[in-house]
Amino acid sequence: MFIGQYNNKMDSKGRISIPVKFREELGMKFIVTRGLDSCLFGYSLTEWQKIESKIKSLPVTSKNARAFQRFFFSGATEVEIDKQGRINIPKALIDHAYLDKECVVNGVSNRIEIWDEDKWQTQLADCEESFEEIAEELGNFDF
């Protein structure tokens, strides 16, 4: 399980360090793809197979299903952690997530998310502002 928030810097070649706590579960190779809310999603190969299976099962007759499959799969790429613990993010994914030098890598249960720091701060502020309403809308939680 991935949890926590880590601030990192992306270098001019599009490389970003993956937190040590995430590396073991991700493995030396994992999948990065376009995520929702202008971030990137990262999945271990095992978790990717589960996600891929679910998305492939969407009906091809549904316009929204086809659009989602195209969006999600066409942005996916296998990345490899180098000896310094970094991955190289392709330009198309950097552009999708508006990544600049300052980045945030978050653990979100079964995936990691890579955010531009400014976008993450905006997302976090919006979520904090309405967290109780969101929780109420999603139903009762047994904390």
Protein backbone atom coordinates (compact mmCIF):
# COMPACT_ATOMS: atom_id res chain seq x y z
CA MET A 1 0.00 0.00 0.00
CA PHE A 2 1.27 3.45 -0.92
CA ILE A 3 0.82 6.27 1.60
CA GLY A 4 2.48 9.62 2.24
CA GLN A 5 3.53 12.77 0.45
CA TYR A 6 7.06 13.46 -0.78
CA ASN A 7 8.35 16.66 -2.36
CA ASN A 8 10.89 16.16 -5.16
CA LYS A 9 12.52 18.06 -7.97
CA MET A 10 12.40 17.08 -11.62
CA ASP A 11 15.61 17.74 -13.53
CA SER A 12 15.89 19.28 -16.99
CA LYS A 13 15.89 15.79 -18.57
CA GLY A 14 12.48 14.88 -17.07
CA ARG A 15 13.87 12.65 -14.32
CA ILE A 16 12.34 12.51 -10.87
CA SER A 17 13.34 10.51 -7.83
CA ILE A 18 10.87 7.94 -6.56
CA PRO A 19 10.70 7.81 -2.74
CA VAL A 20 12.56 4.84 -1.27
CA LYS A 21 9.41 3.75 0.58
CA PHE A 22 7.63 3.30 -2.78
CA ARG A 23 10.38 1.57 -4.76
CA GLU A 24 10.07 -1.91 -3.27
CA GLU A 25 6.35 -2.18 -3.94
CA LEU A 26 6.57 -0.59 -7.40
CA GLY A 27 9.48 -2.75 -8.49
CA MET A 28 12.35 -1.69 -10.75
CA LYS A 29 9.89 -1.31 -13.65
CA PHE A 30 6.38 0.06 -13.39
CA ILE A 31 3.73 1.84 -15.43
CA VAL A 32 3.11 5.60 -15.48
CA THR A 33 0.11 7.01 -17.31
CA ARG A 34 -2.14 10.03 -17.50
CA GLY A 35 -4.14 10.42 -14.35
CA LEU A 36 -7.20 12.42 -13.51
CA ASP A 37 -7.09 16.03 -12.26
CA SER A 38 -3.90 16.76 -14.26
CA CYS A 39 -1.56 14.41 -12.44
CA LEU A 40 0.15 11.14 -13.35
CA PHE A 41 -0.75 7.71 -11.99
CA GLY A 42 1.93 5.10 -11.34
CA TYR A 43 1.14 1.40 -10.91
CA SER A 44 3.26 -1.65 -10.14
CA LEU A 45 3.13 -4.18 -12.99
CA THR A 46 0.91 -6.44 -10.88
CA GLU A 47 -1.55 -3.65 -10.10
CA TRP A 48 -1.45 -2.48 -13.73
CA GLN A 49 -2.63 -5.91 -14.88
CA LYS A 50 -5.67 -5.61 -12.57
CA ILE A 51 -6.47 -2.07 -13.77
CA GLU A 52 -5.93 -3.04 -17.41
CA SER A 53 -8.29 -5.99 -17.06
CA LYS A 54 -11.05 -3.81 -15.60
CA ILE A 55 -10.69 -1.11 -18.25
CA LYS A 56 -10.52 -3.65 -21.10
CA SER A 57 -13.82 -5.07 -19.91
CA LEU A 58 -15.63 -1.78 -20.57
CA PRO A 59 -18.06 -2.09 -23.49
CA VAL A 60 -16.53 -1.01 -26.78
CA THR A 61 -20.02 0.11 -27.82
CA SER A 62 -19.91 2.90 -25.23
CA LYS A 63 -18.46 6.17 -26.54
CA ASN A 64 -17.31 7.20 -23.05
CA ALA A 65 -15.67 3.81 -22.45
CA ARG A 66 -13.74 4.09 -25.72
CA ALA A 67 -12.65 7.63 -24.87
CA PHE A 68 -11.47 6.60 -21.43
CA GLN A 69 -9.57 3.57 -22.79
CA ARG A 70 -7.82 5.75 -25.37
CA PHE A 71 -6.93 8.43 -22.83
CA PHE A 72 -5.64 5.98 -20.24
CA PHE A 73 -3.79 3.45 -22.40
CA SER A 74 -2.29 5.81 -25.00
CA GLY A 75 -0.52 7.73 -22.23
CA ALA A 76 0.83 4.64 -20.51
CA THR A 77 4.53 3.88 -20.53
CA GLU A 78 6.78 1.47 -18.71
CA VAL A 79 9.48 3.26 -16.73
CA GLU A 80 12.56 1.84 -15.04
CA ILE A 81 14.14 3.09 -11.83
CA ASP A 82 17.81 3.93 -12.41
CA LYS A 83 20.70 3.49 -9.96
CA GLN A 84 19.95 6.90 -8.42
CA GLY A 85 16.30 5.95 -7.79
CA ARG A 86 14.92 8.10 -10.61
CA ILE A 87 12.55 7.52 -13.49
CA ASN A 88 12.46 9.39 -16.79
CA ILE A 89 9.03 10.83 -17.55
CA PRO A 90 8.16 11.25 -21.26
CA LYS A 91 7.44 14.78 -22.48
CA ALA A 92 3.78 14.01 -23.30
CA LEU A 93 3.19 13.02 -19.66
CA ILE A 94 5.14 16.01 -18.36
CA ASP A 95 2.88 18.21 -20.49
CA HIS A 96 -0.30 16.45 -19.32
CA ALA A 97 0.54 17.01 -15.65
CA TYR A 98 2.07 20.48 -16.19
CA LEU A 99 5.16 19.23 -14.37
CA ASP A 100 7.85 21.77 -13.65
CA LYS A 101 10.88 21.57 -11.41
CA GLU A 102 9.01 21.29 -8.10
CA CYS A 103 6.93 18.09 -7.91
CA VAL A 104 5.06 16.03 -5.34
CA VAL A 105 4.87 12.22 -5.28
CA ASN A 106 1.91 10.94 -3.27
CA GLY A 107 0.97 7.46 -2.18
CA VAL A 108 -2.72 6.74 -2.83
CA SER A 109 -3.39 3.16 -1.72
CA ASN A 110 -2.81 1.06 -4.86
CA ARG A 111 -0.98 3.72 -6.90
CA ILE A 112 1.34 6.68 -6.70
CA GLU A 113 0.46 10.09 -8.10
CA ILE A 114 2.96 12.59 -9.48
CA TRP A 115 1.88 16.23 -9.30
CA ASP A 116 3.25 19.64 -10.15
CA GLU A 117 3.67 21.18 -6.69
CA ASP A 118 1.51 24.25 -7.41
CA LYS A 119 -1.29 22.11 -8.88
CA TRP A 120 -1.09 19.79 -5.85
CA GLN A 121 -1.33 22.70 -3.41
CA THR A 122 -4.44 23.96 -5.25
CA GLN A 123 -5.97 20.46 -5.28
CA LEU A 124 -5.19 19.97 -1.59
CA ALA A 125 -6.69 23.35 -0.63
CA ASP A 126 -9.88 22.61 -2.60
CA CYS A 127 -10.16 19.19 -0.97
CA GLU A 128 -9.52 20.52 2.55
CA GLU A 129 -12.19 23.16 2.03
CA SER A 130 -14.87 20.61 1.23
CA PHE A 131 -13.57 17.41 2.89
CA GLU A 132 -16.55 16.99 5.22
CA GLU A 133 -19.03 17.49 2.38
CA ILE A 134 -17.16 15.00 0.21
CA ALA A 135 -17.11 12.43 3.01
CA GLU A 136 -20.83 12.89 3.61
CA GLU A 137 -21.60 12.49 -0.10
CA LEU A 138 -19.56 9.29 -0.31
CA GLY A 139 -21.47 7.67 2.51
CA ASN A 140 -20.80 6.50 6.00
CA PHE A 141 -17.25 5.51 6.84
CA ASP A 142 -16.29 3.43 9.83
CA PHE A 143 -13.13 5.20 10.96
